[in-house]
Amino acid sequence: MRGGQGGKGSASFRREPFTPRGGPDGGDGGRGGSVVLKATTDVSDLSVYKTRSRWNAEPGADGAGGRKTGRGGSDILLDVPVGTVVLDEGGELVADLDRPGADAVVAKGGSGGRGNVHFKTSSRRAPDYAEPGFKGDERTLVLDLKLIADVGLVGPPNAGKSSLLSSLTAAKPKVADYPFTTLDPELGVAEAAGGRIVIADIPGLIEGAAKGAGLGLRFLRHVERTRVLVYVLDGSTDDPWADFETVRKEVVHFSPDLAKRPFVVVMNKLDLEATRRLKKRNRRKGVHFISALTGEGLPELMKAVVPALAAAPEVTVPGPIKKTRLHERAARAGLLVEKKDWGFAVSGDRVEHLVERTDLDSEGAVARFQGELDRLGVNAALEAAGVEPGDTVRIADAEFEYQP
């Protein structure tokens, strides 16, 4: 993502009949456009960002005479699905777009350069230079979509989670009689006494999923946003309770916080004889026996989910990521002069800011720049480091030959 560069300031002078020595009247450059991400329900995935990976906002227009400010560059508004988490290259949180309408400026446009009218003083009445515009932010971001749902259906492969979602909602997930039928999470909306409930069908989990076995990590991260978990088990297997312990263990390993959320245990496939026998000898409380195929037990299941949702806390973004301020400069305290094989490198936030603000093609701007270097103590620091006339001095992207 790249914000637009600010426009150049104008180095213009007033030229009107009968107005001698009109003085400088150069206007400022316009601000560059910014890149803004906005969460919306109109899009459901991030596929557009796979086909296009670079987004540049419009630069600002240059200033003009008559103190005319350049036009500001247009912002780029990019739609992303609700639930998109924006991370920088280091994995730190930039924005969490967890509700419709939430937006974040992820690449701010640069400010415009000041016109020469700002540099007029009593001793410098005709400044013939202006500032170039600032560069906009340029950053590489990772967009990670995590589904936002009230209830997450988790369980081993082929337990009937997709069938249950299809029975409870109008969603049409793929249903088949082999494991890992679902390769991507599916969402559906169910009507209940407490209102509408968004349900997510999370693909099957196997042992070792929390360590990446199968596609476990790809699936488990989508459960992070759900407030209530529904463990869906196949009651016709040899030991469904062992399956429950396996899935439960993977959830605990993936996120202890996730494992503490309210959950409901569902034994599916009551239409089969093996599951009916299990129900007769079951002594565990709170287990719901259902048949996603026939619909038996589904009303009772929804009655149990509603109070669990009412008691569940709101979900925040999990993980050890630390929120950082947008557009934070890598400010170095003070001034640093380092002797290199090729010359001297000068670094520091203020002096680098000065270089970015100076038009080095203008003699007047360079003269002012040299005065500012002396005021900031750069010349004294270079001399203390042993600089000699003719040595190369590099500040940010600018390179000079030192002359006392």
Protein backbone atom coordinates (compact mmCIF):
# COMPACT_ATOMS: atom_id res chain seq x y z
CA MET A 1 0.00 0.00 0.00
CA ARG A 2 1.41 3.39 -0.96
CA GLY A 3 0.02 6.80 -0.08
CA GLY A 4 0.23 9.54 -2.70
CA GLN A 5 3.13 11.97 -2.65
CA GLY A 6 2.37 15.55 -1.68
CA GLY A 7 2.48 18.19 -4.40
CA LYS A 8 5.36 20.63 -4.77
CA GLY A 9 5.14 24.13 -3.37
CA SER A 10 5.33 26.98 -5.86
CA ALA A 11 8.24 29.46 -6.05
CA SER A 12 6.22 32.23 -7.68
CA PHE A 13 6.31 36.03 -7.47
CA ARG A 14 3.54 38.58 -7.79
CA ARG A 15 3.61 40.23 -11.19
CA GLU A 16 0.97 42.92 -11.64
CA PRO A 17 0.97 46.32 -13.34
CA PHE A 18 1.76 49.21 -11.00
CA THR A 19 2.81 46.82 -8.21
CA PRO A 20 6.61 46.90 -8.05
CA ARG A 21 8.38 44.33 -5.89
CA GLY A 22 5.17 42.34 -5.43
CA GLY A 23 6.99 39.69 -3.44
CA PRO A 24 6.58 35.90 -3.26
CA ASP A 25 3.11 34.45 -3.68
CA GLY A 26 3.75 30.75 -4.28
CA GLY A 27 1.03 28.44 -2.97
CA ASP A 28 1.42 25.13 -1.17
CA GLY A 29 1.23 21.71 -2.80
CA GLY A 30 -1.79 19.51 -2.20
CA ARG A 31 -1.77 16.57 0.16
CA GLY A 32 -1.40 13.12 -1.40
CA GLY A 33 -4.27 10.68 -1.21
CA SER A 34 -4.37 7.91 1.40
CA VAL A 35 -5.20 4.21 1.18
CA VAL A 36 -8.19 3.33 3.35
CA LEU A 37 -9.54 -0.14 4.13
CA LYS A 38 -13.24 -0.40 4.96
CA ALA A 39 -15.14 -3.44 6.24
CA THR A 40 -18.33 -4.24 4.36
CA THR A 41 -20.77 -7.11 4.00
CA ASP A 42 -20.80 -6.58 0.22
CA VAL A 43 -17.66 -8.71 -0.22
CA SER A 44 -17.07 -12.13 1.28
CA ASP A 45 -13.41 -12.89 0.58
CA LEU A 46 -10.00 -11.35 -0.15
CA SER A 47 -9.57 -12.84 -3.62
CA VAL A 48 -9.17 -9.42 -5.29
CA TYR A 49 -6.00 -8.86 -3.26
CA LYS A 50 -4.50 -12.08 -4.60
CA THR A 51 -4.82 -10.92 -8.19
CA ARG A 52 -3.59 -7.39 -7.43
CA SER A 53 -0.99 -6.79 -4.75
CA ARG A 54 -0.03 -3.12 -5.27
CA TRP A 55 -2.29 -0.15 -4.51
CA ASN A 56 -1.15 3.46 -5.03
CA ALA A 57 -3.15 6.51 -4.02
CA GLU A 58 -3.22 9.65 -6.18
CA PRO A 59 -0.49 12.26 -5.61
CA GLY A 60 -1.34 15.84 -4.69
CA ALA A 61 -1.20 18.60 -7.30
CA ASP A 62 1.53 21.24 -7.23
CA GLY A 63 0.88 24.70 -5.83
CA ALA A 64 0.63 27.75 -8.08
CA GLY A 65 1.12 31.51 -8.03
CA GLY A 66 -1.40 33.74 -6.37
CA ARG A 67 -1.08 31.61 -3.21
CA LYS A 68 -3.10 28.88 -4.86
CA THR A 69 -2.93 25.54 -3.06
CA GLY A 70 -2.73 22.43 -5.20
CA ARG A 71 -5.63 19.99 -5.28
CA GLY A 72 -5.41 17.13 -2.80
CA GLY A 73 -5.03 13.62 -4.19
CA SER A 74 -8.02 11.28 -4.06
CA ASP A 75 -8.06 8.55 -1.44
CA ILE A 76 -8.33 4.90 -2.44
CA LEU A 77 -11.14 3.16 -0.57
CA LEU A 78 -10.67 -0.60 -0.58
CA ASP A 79 -13.51 -2.87 0.56
CA VAL A 80 -12.64 -5.90 2.67
CA PRO A 81 -14.89 -8.46 4.36
CA VAL A 82 -15.98 -7.92 7.94
CA GLY A 83 -13.51 -9.77 10.15
CA THR A 84 -10.37 -8.74 8.29
CA VAL A 85 -7.31 -8.30 10.48
CA VAL A 86 -4.53 -6.10 9.05
CA LEU A 87 -0.97 -6.93 10.11
CA ASP A 88 2.37 -5.42 9.18
CA GLU A 89 5.37 -7.44 8.03
CA GLY A 90 6.44 -8.01 11.62
CA GLY A 91 3.07 -9.49 12.57
CA GLU A 92 1.98 -6.48 14.65
CA LEU A 93 -1.63 -5.38 14.54
CA VAL A 94 -2.42 -2.39 12.32
CA ALA A 95 -6.22 -2.58 12.27
CA ASP A 96 -9.02 -4.95 13.25
CA LEU A 97 -12.03 -4.40 10.99
CA ASP A 98 -14.48 -6.42 13.02
CA ARG A 99 -17.77 -4.68 12.19
CA PRO A 100 -19.49 -3.28 9.09
CA GLY A 101 -18.39 0.26 8.37
CA ALA A 102 -15.14 0.03 10.34
CA ASP A 103 -12.27 1.63 8.44
CA ALA A 104 -8.58 2.35 8.85
CA VAL A 105 -6.06 4.52 7.03
CA VAL A 106 -3.25 2.06 6.29
CA ALA A 107 -1.05 4.27 4.08
CA LYS A 108 -1.30 7.99 4.70
CA GLY A 109 -0.64 10.43 1.89
CA GLY A 110 2.30 12.83 2.14
CA SER A 111 1.74 16.47 2.98
CA GLY A 112 2.29 19.09 0.29
CA GLY A 113 5.40 21.25 0.14
CA ARG A 114 5.23 24.84 1.31
CA GLY A 115 5.35 27.63 -1.24
CA ASN A 116 7.99 30.36 -1.17
CA VAL A 117 5.59 32.75 0.57
CA HIS A 118 6.41 30.89 3.80
CA PHE A 119 10.14 31.67 3.56
CA LYS A 120 9.94 35.45 3.27
CA THR A 121 11.72 37.26 6.10
CA SER A 122 12.94 40.78 6.72
CA SER A 123 16.38 39.81 5.47
CA ARG A 124 15.26 37.41 2.72
CA ARG A 125 12.53 39.21 0.85
CA ALA A 126 12.62 37.24 -2.40
CA PRO A 127 13.09 33.53 -1.65
CA ASP A 128 13.28 31.75 -5.01
CA TYR A 129 12.66 28.26 -3.67
CA ALA A 130 9.84 26.13 -2.29
CA GLU A 131 9.58 22.70 -0.71
CA PRO A 132 8.97 19.44 -2.55
CA GLY A 133 6.08 17.37 -1.28
CA PHE A 134 6.49 14.64 1.30
CA LYS A 135 6.40 11.03 0.20
CA GLY A 136 3.36 9.06 1.30
CA ASP A 137 3.58 6.03 3.57
CA GLU A 138 4.70 2.87 1.81
CA ARG A 139 4.17 -0.38 3.63
CA THR A 140 3.62 -4.06 3.01
CA LEU A 141 0.59 -5.45 4.83
CA VAL A 142 -0.94 -8.85 5.42
CA LEU A 143 -4.74 -9.10 5.21
CA ASP A 144 -6.02 -12.03 7.25
CA LEU A 145 -9.72 -12.88 7.16
CA LYS A 146 -11.09 -14.50 10.30
CA LEU A 147 -14.75 -15.37 10.22
CA ILE A 148 -17.00 -13.65 12.73
CA ALA A 149 -19.74 -15.95 13.95
CA ASP A 150 -21.73 -16.49 17.14
CA VAL A 151 -21.38 -20.28 17.09
CA GLY A 152 -18.60 -22.44 15.68
CA LEU A 153 -19.22 -26.09 14.79
CA VAL A 154 -16.04 -28.06 15.49
CA GLY A 155 -15.37 -31.77 15.50
CA PRO A 156 -13.56 -34.61 13.76
CA PRO A 157 -13.88 -35.13 10.01
CA ASN A 158 -17.13 -36.64 8.72
CA ALA A 159 -19.04 -36.01 11.97
CA GLY A 160 -21.88 -34.26 10.13
CA LYS A 161 -21.06 -30.60 10.78
CA SER A 162 -21.98 -29.54 7.24
CA SER A 163 -25.23 -31.48 7.43
CA LEU A 164 -26.04 -29.81 10.74
CA LEU A 165 -25.35 -26.35 9.30
CA SER A 166 -27.56 -27.16 6.32
CA SER A 167 -30.37 -28.30 8.63
CA LEU A 168 -30.19 -25.26 10.93
CA THR A 169 -29.72 -22.58 8.27
CA ALA A 170 -30.27 -21.86 4.60
CA ALA A 171 -26.59 -22.46 3.84
CA LYS A 172 -25.76 -25.11 1.25
CA PRO A 173 -22.35 -26.52 2.16
CA LYS A 174 -20.94 -29.52 0.36
CA VAL A 175 -22.11 -32.76 2.00
CA ALA A 176 -20.56 -36.15 1.19
CA ASP A 177 -19.73 -39.46 2.88
CA TYR A 178 -15.96 -39.01 3.02
CA PRO A 179 -13.66 -37.04 5.39
CA PHE A 180 -12.60 -33.44 4.74
CA THR A 181 -15.54 -32.71 2.48
CA THR A 182 -15.38 -29.09 3.70
CA LEU A 183 -12.10 -27.38 2.83
CA ASP A 184 -13.19 -23.83 3.63
CA PRO A 185 -15.37 -22.56 6.48
CA GLU A 186 -19.03 -22.00 5.72
CA LEU A 187 -21.41 -19.50 7.31
CA GLY A 188 -25.15 -19.71 7.87
CA VAL A 189 -27.80 -17.78 9.82
CA ALA A 190 -30.27 -19.58 12.07
CA GLU A 191 -33.46 -18.15 13.57
CA ALA A 192 -33.80 -18.72 17.32
CA ALA A 193 -35.80 -17.38 20.25
CA GLY A 194 -33.02 -14.93 21.05
CA GLY A 195 -32.82 -13.62 17.51
CA ARG A 196 -30.61 -14.47 14.55
CA ILE A 197 -27.51 -16.59 15.22
CA VAL A 198 -24.58 -16.76 12.81
CA ILE A 199 -23.14 -20.28 12.68
CA ALA A 200 -19.78 -21.26 11.17
CA ASP A 201 -18.98 -24.77 9.99
CA ILE A 202 -15.27 -25.29 10.65
CA PRO A 203 -13.63 -28.10 8.63
CA GLY A 204 -12.68 -31.28 10.48
CA LEU A 205 -9.87 -31.38 13.04
CA ILE A 206 -7.51 -34.28 13.55
CA GLU A 207 -4.89 -35.04 16.18
CA GLY A 208 -2.00 -32.59 15.88
CA ALA A 209 -4.12 -29.91 14.21
CA ALA A 210 -2.86 -27.25 16.64
CA LYS A 211 0.67 -27.98 15.42
CA GLY A 212 -0.32 -27.79 11.77
CA ALA A 213 -1.28 -31.41 11.08
CA GLY A 214 -3.60 -31.66 8.11
CA LEU A 215 -4.96 -28.15 7.60
CA GLY A 216 -5.55 -27.60 11.30
CA LEU A 217 -4.06 -24.14 11.75
CA ARG A 218 -5.86 -22.90 8.66
CA PHE A 219 -9.13 -24.05 10.23
CA LEU A 220 -8.60 -23.32 13.91
CA ARG A 221 -7.88 -19.62 13.42
CA HIS A 222 -11.44 -19.16 12.15
CA VAL A 223 -12.79 -20.36 15.52
CA GLU A 224 -11.04 -17.52 17.36
CA ARG A 225 -13.92 -15.12 16.72
CA THR A 226 -16.75 -17.45 17.75
CA ARG A 227 -18.36 -16.91 21.16
CA VAL A 228 -19.73 -20.44 21.66
CA LEU A 229 -18.33 -23.75 20.44
CA VAL A 230 -20.52 -26.69 19.49
CA TYR A 231 -18.57 -29.94 19.47
CA VAL A 232 -20.19 -32.18 16.85
CA LEU A 233 -19.37 -35.89 17.25
CA ASP A 234 -20.29 -38.98 15.27
CA GLY A 235 -22.25 -41.17 17.68
CA SER A 236 -21.88 -44.23 15.44
CA THR A 237 -18.07 -44.54 15.79
CA ASP A 238 -16.37 -47.03 18.11
CA ASP A 239 -15.40 -44.37 20.69
CA PRO A 240 -16.96 -40.92 20.09
CA TRP A 241 -15.77 -39.72 23.50
CA ALA A 242 -12.16 -40.29 22.45
CA ASP A 243 -12.87 -38.15 19.39
CA PHE A 244 -14.24 -35.46 21.71
CA GLU A 245 -11.09 -35.52 23.86
CA THR A 246 -8.89 -35.31 20.76
CA VAL A 247 -10.70 -32.28 19.36
CA ARG A 248 -10.91 -30.65 22.77
CA LYS A 249 -7.18 -31.11 23.29
CA GLU A 250 -6.39 -29.47 19.94
CA VAL A 251 -8.54 -26.46 20.81
CA VAL A 252 -6.78 -26.13 24.19
CA HIS A 253 -3.34 -26.33 22.57
CA PHE A 254 -4.30 -23.78 19.95
CA SER A 255 -5.75 -21.24 22.38
CA PRO A 256 -6.37 -21.72 26.12
CA ASP A 257 -8.66 -18.68 26.01
CA LEU A 258 -10.75 -20.31 23.28
CA ALA A 259 -11.10 -23.48 25.35
CA LYS A 260 -12.61 -21.45 28.25
CA ARG A 261 -15.56 -20.23 26.22
CA PRO A 262 -19.00 -21.80 26.65
CA PHE A 263 -19.53 -24.98 24.64
CA VAL A 264 -22.23 -27.54 23.85
CA VAL A 265 -21.58 -31.20 23.10
CA VAL A 266 -23.65 -32.73 20.29
CA MET A 267 -23.80 -36.43 19.40
CA ASN A 268 -24.93 -36.60 15.78
CA LYS A 269 -26.42 -39.39 13.62
CA LEU A 270 -29.20 -40.42 15.99
CA ASP A 271 -30.86 -41.98 12.93
CA LEU A 272 -28.30 -44.82 13.17
CA GLU A 273 -28.72 -47.79 15.54
CA ALA A 274 -25.25 -47.42 17.07
CA THR A 275 -25.99 -43.85 18.15
CA ARG A 276 -29.37 -44.81 19.60
CA ARG A 277 -27.68 -47.51 21.69
CA LEU A 278 -25.12 -44.94 22.88
CA LYS A 279 -27.92 -42.61 23.95
CA LYS A 280 -29.57 -45.31 26.07
CA ARG A 281 -26.41 -46.02 28.05
CA ASN A 282 -25.16 -42.41 28.20
CA ARG A 283 -24.72 -41.03 31.73
CA ARG A 284 -23.09 -37.72 30.83
CA LYS A 285 -25.15 -34.60 31.46
CA GLY A 286 -25.57 -31.84 28.92
CA VAL A 287 -25.01 -34.03 25.85
CA HIS A 288 -27.48 -33.43 23.02
CA PHE A 289 -28.30 -36.36 20.77
CA ILE A 290 -29.50 -35.21 17.36
CA SER A 291 -29.91 -36.28 13.77
CA ALA A 292 -28.92 -33.62 11.26
CA LEU A 293 -30.48 -35.85 8.59
CA THR A 294 -33.99 -36.15 10.12
CA GLY A 295 -33.98 -33.01 12.28
CA GLU A 296 -34.56 -34.93 15.52
CA GLY A 297 -33.26 -33.04 18.57
CA LEU A 298 -32.47 -29.80 16.70
CA PRO A 299 -35.05 -27.62 18.53
CA GLU A 300 -33.64 -28.74 21.88
CA LEU A 301 -30.12 -28.00 20.65
CA MET A 302 -31.03 -24.43 19.68
CA LYS A 303 -32.68 -23.91 23.08
CA ALA A 304 -29.36 -24.84 24.70
CA VAL A 305 -27.30 -22.59 22.41
CA VAL A 306 -29.30 -19.41 23.14
CA PRO A 307 -28.49 -19.18 26.90
CA ALA A 308 -24.88 -20.15 26.20
CA LEU A 309 -24.62 -17.19 23.84
CA ALA A 310 -26.24 -14.89 26.39
CA ALA A 311 -23.59 -15.84 28.95
CA ALA A 312 -20.66 -15.70 26.52
CA PRO A 313 -18.36 -12.64 26.68
CA GLU A 314 -17.59 -10.48 23.68
CA VAL A 315 -14.62 -11.74 21.70
CA THR A 316 -11.52 -9.59 21.22
CA VAL A 317 -8.65 -10.22 18.83
CA PRO A 318 -6.54 -12.99 20.39
CA GLY A 319 -2.84 -13.54 20.22
CA PRO A 320 0.28 -11.76 21.47
CA ILE A 321 0.17 -9.08 18.78
CA LYS A 322 0.85 -5.56 19.95
CA LYS A 323 -1.04 -2.61 18.56
CA THR A 324 1.18 0.10 17.09
CA ARG A 325 0.44 3.64 16.03
CA LEU A 326 -0.09 4.17 12.32
CA HIS A 327 2.54 6.13 10.37
CA GLU A 328 4.95 5.98 13.32
CA ARG A 329 8.35 7.28 12.27
CA ALA A 330 11.43 5.26 13.16
CA ALA A 331 12.60 8.27 15.16
CA ARG A 332 16.16 8.17 16.38
CA ALA A 333 16.84 10.37 19.37
CA GLY A 334 19.40 13.10 18.68
CA LEU A 335 21.96 13.06 15.91
CA LEU A 336 24.25 10.20 14.90
CA VAL A 337 27.38 10.55 12.77
CA GLU A 338 29.15 7.36 11.67
CA LYS A 339 32.45 7.11 9.83
CA LYS A 340 32.30 4.67 6.91
CA ASP A 341 34.81 3.44 4.34
CA TRP A 342 33.33 5.80 1.77
CA GLY A 343 32.82 8.83 4.06
CA PHE A 344 30.36 9.83 6.79
CA ALA A 345 26.72 8.80 7.35
CA VAL A 346 24.48 11.21 9.24
CA SER A 347 21.17 10.00 10.69
CA GLY A 348 18.52 11.48 12.91
CA ASP A 349 14.84 12.22 12.56
CA ARG A 350 15.14 16.00 12.31
CA VAL A 351 17.97 16.09 9.80
CA GLU A 352 16.35 13.41 7.59
CA HIS A 353 13.11 15.39 7.75
CA LEU A 354 15.06 18.45 6.59
CA VAL A 355 16.50 16.60 3.57
CA GLU A 356 13.06 15.42 2.54
CA ARG A 357 11.76 18.99 2.75
CA THR A 358 14.54 20.55 0.66
CA ASP A 359 14.65 21.03 -3.11
CA LEU A 360 18.33 20.25 -3.68
CA ASP A 361 18.16 21.51 -7.27
CA SER A 362 17.59 25.07 -6.07
CA GLU A 363 20.58 27.21 -5.06
CA GLY A 364 18.50 29.22 -2.64
CA ALA A 365 17.07 26.07 -1.05
CA VAL A 366 20.56 24.57 -0.70
CA ALA A 367 21.83 27.75 0.96
CA ARG A 368 18.98 27.57 3.47
CA PHE A 369 19.64 23.85 3.91
CA GLN A 370 23.28 24.50 4.82
CA GLY A 371 22.24 27.09 7.38
CA GLU A 372 19.78 24.64 8.91
CA LEU A 373 22.47 21.94 9.10
CA ASP A 374 24.65 24.32 11.07
CA ARG A 375 21.74 25.24 13.36
CA LEU A 376 21.01 21.57 14.04
CA GLY A 377 24.64 20.94 14.95
CA VAL A 378 25.38 18.66 12.01
CA ASN A 379 28.50 20.54 10.91
CA ALA A 380 29.91 20.55 14.44
CA ALA A 381 29.20 16.81 14.81
CA LEU A 382 30.92 16.06 11.49
CA GLU A 383 33.98 18.07 12.48
CA ALA A 384 34.13 16.28 15.81
CA ALA A 385 34.07 12.98 13.90
CA GLY A 386 37.08 14.06 11.82
CA VAL A 387 35.52 15.13 8.53
CA GLU A 388 37.80 16.81 6.00
CA PRO A 389 36.90 19.14 3.12
CA GLY A 390 35.91 17.05 0.11
CA ASP A 391 34.76 14.04 2.14
CA THR A 392 31.48 12.38 1.16
CA VAL A 393 28.56 12.96 3.54
CA ARG A 394 25.33 11.00 3.13
CA ILE A 395 22.03 11.96 4.80
CA ALA A 396 19.12 9.67 3.98
CA ASP A 397 19.09 9.43 0.15
CA ALA A 398 21.10 12.63 -0.37
CA GLU A 399 24.87 12.67 -0.84
CA PHE A 400 27.12 15.74 -0.53
CA GLU A 401 30.73 16.76 -0.65
CA TYR A 402 31.61 18.42 2.64
CA GLN A 403 32.80 22.00 2.44
CA PRO A 404 33.30 24.02 5.64
